[in-house]
Structures are given as structure tokens and as C-alpha cells.
Protein backbone atom coordinates (compact mmCIF):
# COMPACT_ATOMS: atom_id res chain seq x y z
CA MET A 1 -18.49 -14.11 13.90
CA LYS A 2 -17.21 -16.17 11.00
CA LEU A 3 -15.51 -14.86 7.89
CA PRO A 4 -18.13 -14.05 5.25
CA ASN A 5 -18.17 -16.99 2.82
CA GLY A 6 -15.15 -18.47 4.57
CA ASN A 7 -15.76 -21.71 2.72
CA ARG A 8 -14.84 -19.82 -0.48
CA ALA A 9 -11.63 -18.28 0.92
CA VAL A 10 -8.61 -17.80 -1.33
CA VAL A 11 -5.05 -18.46 -0.18
CA ASP A 12 -2.35 -17.78 -2.76
CA ILE A 13 0.25 -20.52 -2.36
CA THR A 14 3.03 -18.19 -3.53
CA LYS A 15 2.32 -15.83 -0.61
CA LEU A 16 3.03 -18.71 1.75
CA ARG A 17 5.90 -20.42 -0.08
CA ASP A 18 7.73 -17.32 -1.31
CA TYR A 19 7.00 -14.90 1.53
CA CYS A 20 5.74 -16.25 4.89
CA LEU A 21 7.83 -19.44 4.83
CA ASN A 22 10.82 -18.14 2.87
CA PRO A 23 13.88 -17.56 5.09
CA LEU A 24 15.55 -15.64 2.24
CA HIS A 25 12.74 -13.12 1.62
CA GLU A 26 13.76 -9.66 2.78
CA ASP A 27 10.46 -8.97 4.56
CA GLY A 28 9.18 -12.50 5.22
CA LYS A 29 12.33 -14.03 6.68
CA HIS A 30 11.35 -13.21 10.26
CA LYS A 31 7.96 -14.91 9.88
CA ALA A 32 9.69 -17.88 8.25
CA ARG A 33 12.15 -18.20 11.13
CA VAL A 34 9.33 -18.33 13.69
CA PHE A 35 7.23 -20.79 11.64
CA ALA A 36 10.29 -23.05 11.46
CA ALA A 37 11.16 -22.74 15.16
CA ALA A 38 7.63 -23.11 16.54
CA LEU A 39 6.10 -25.56 14.08
CA GLY A 40 8.92 -27.02 12.01
CA LEU A 41 7.38 -25.53 8.87
CA GLY A 42 9.48 -24.47 5.90
CA ARG A 43 8.73 -23.74 2.27
CA ALA A 44 7.98 -27.41 1.60
CA GLY A 45 5.07 -27.13 4.06
CA ALA A 46 3.33 -24.33 2.16
CA GLU A 47 0.53 -26.51 0.75
CA TRP A 48 -0.10 -28.10 4.16
CA LEU A 49 -0.29 -24.63 5.75
CA ARG A 50 -2.60 -23.46 2.96
CA GLU A 51 -5.02 -26.30 3.74
CA ARG A 52 -5.01 -25.45 7.46
CA LEU A 53 -5.69 -21.78 6.68
CA LEU A 54 -8.60 -22.71 4.43
CA GLU A 55 -10.03 -24.97 7.15
CA ALA A 56 -9.73 -22.16 9.69
CA ALA A 57 -11.33 -19.65 7.31
CA ALA A 58 -14.35 -21.92 6.93
CA SER A 59 -14.78 -22.84 10.59
CA GLN A 60 -13.09 -20.50 13.09
CA PRO A 61 -14.32 -17.18 14.49
CA ALA A 62 -12.87 -13.94 13.16
CA VAL A 63 -13.10 -10.31 14.17
CA VAL A 64 -13.43 -7.22 12.01
CA ALA A 65 -10.17 -5.28 12.23
CA SER A 66 -11.01 -2.28 10.07
CA GLU A 67 -12.66 -0.95 6.96
CA THR A 68 -10.44 0.40 4.19
CA ARG A 69 -11.08 1.88 0.79
CA PHE A 70 -10.35 -1.60 -0.61
CA GLY A 71 -12.62 -3.61 1.67
CA ARG A 72 -13.20 -4.97 5.15
CA LEU A 73 -10.23 -6.50 7.01
CA TYR A 74 -10.57 -9.43 9.40
CA VAL A 75 -8.26 -11.14 11.88
CA LEU A 76 -8.56 -14.84 12.61
CA ASP A 77 -6.38 -16.59 15.21
CA PHE A 78 -6.26 -20.39 15.46
CA TRP A 79 -4.14 -23.10 17.09
CA LEU A 80 -2.00 -25.12 14.75
CA THR A 81 -0.23 -28.32 15.79
CA THR A 82 2.52 -30.23 13.99
CA ALA A 83 4.87 -32.98 15.10
CA SER A 84 7.29 -30.19 16.11
CA GLY A 85 4.98 -28.11 18.29
CA SER A 86 1.83 -26.06 18.67
CA ALA A 87 1.30 -22.36 18.06
CA VAL A 88 -1.34 -19.73 17.55
CA VAL A 89 -1.28 -18.53 13.97
CA ARG A 90 -2.73 -15.12 13.24
CA SER A 91 -4.20 -14.76 9.78
CA GLY A 92 -5.32 -11.54 8.14
CA TRP A 93 -8.05 -11.50 5.51
CA ILE A 94 -9.73 -8.98 3.26
CA VAL A 95 -13.15 -9.09 1.69
CA ARG A 96 -12.83 -6.61 -1.12
CA HIS A 97 -15.77 -4.34 -1.91
CA SER A 98 -16.08 -5.94 -5.34
CA GLU A 99 -15.88 -9.55 -4.04
CA ALA A 100 -17.94 -11.76 -1.74
CA PHE A 101 -15.17 -13.97 -0.33
CA PRO A 102 -12.08 -13.51 1.86
CA ARG A 103 -8.49 -13.44 0.59
CA LEU A 104 -5.51 -14.09 2.83
CA THR A 105 -3.38 -10.99 3.32
CA THR A 106 -0.93 -12.24 5.95
CA CYS A 107 -0.21 -14.96 8.47
CA TYR A 108 2.34 -15.42 11.22
CA VAL A 109 2.91 -17.18 14.53
CA THR A 110 1.87 -15.11 17.55
CA ARG A 111 2.80 -17.54 20.32
CA SER A 112 3.88 -21.13 20.67
CA ALA A 113 3.68 -23.94 23.18
CA THR A 114 5.02 -27.45 23.29
CA PRO A 115 2.46 -30.15 22.45
């Protein structure tokens, strides 16, 4: 199954730049370390990562993870390749009850491989 209205997905650039790719963020630093090691991505790569996430949201299969009081949660895994390596990135999405499009909730590297 695809994300509902994946072509209208929303990815907040600050979530990527200031959390997932920020080695100084108290909670996000572990994700940032793995993004850097596996893919060579740092905070400067936030917009590039955002574009890849939006492409994946529009084209890759997702699975329903759960239903919450806020909306339906989805998980979408996809391969991402950079000059530094390849890795599976897991992205979490929510389609809120009051909205008809997915919003990124999280993303992180689940496994890596050399290109």
C-alpha cells in the first residue's frame, strides 16, 4: 500500500536539520551519528534528505503501524544511496484525523551497506 496522498506529504525541514541530523541534539544525536557514518549526511544535507523523503512518500510502499487518537501511523522503509554509502532509511508518518495527507514524524537509518 502507498501512503494516502503521499504526493502531498509534509516534511518539516527543521525536524531534519535540528533533530535527525544534529549531532548536538540531546535526543537526535544518535540518529545524526548513524546518518553521518552510513551516508555521510550532516545538517547541511537536510534539504537533500527532505527531497528524498518526499520522493519516497509519493512512490514507495508503506505499512500501517497503528491507529492513535491523533491519527493513523505508517512506516515506510526505502534504500538511500549517497557518494558515501547506501542504507535503509525508516520513516514514520502520521495522517491526522483532521487531515488528508501524511506528515513525517521520524526517520533514521536501520541498516547500511557499501555501494
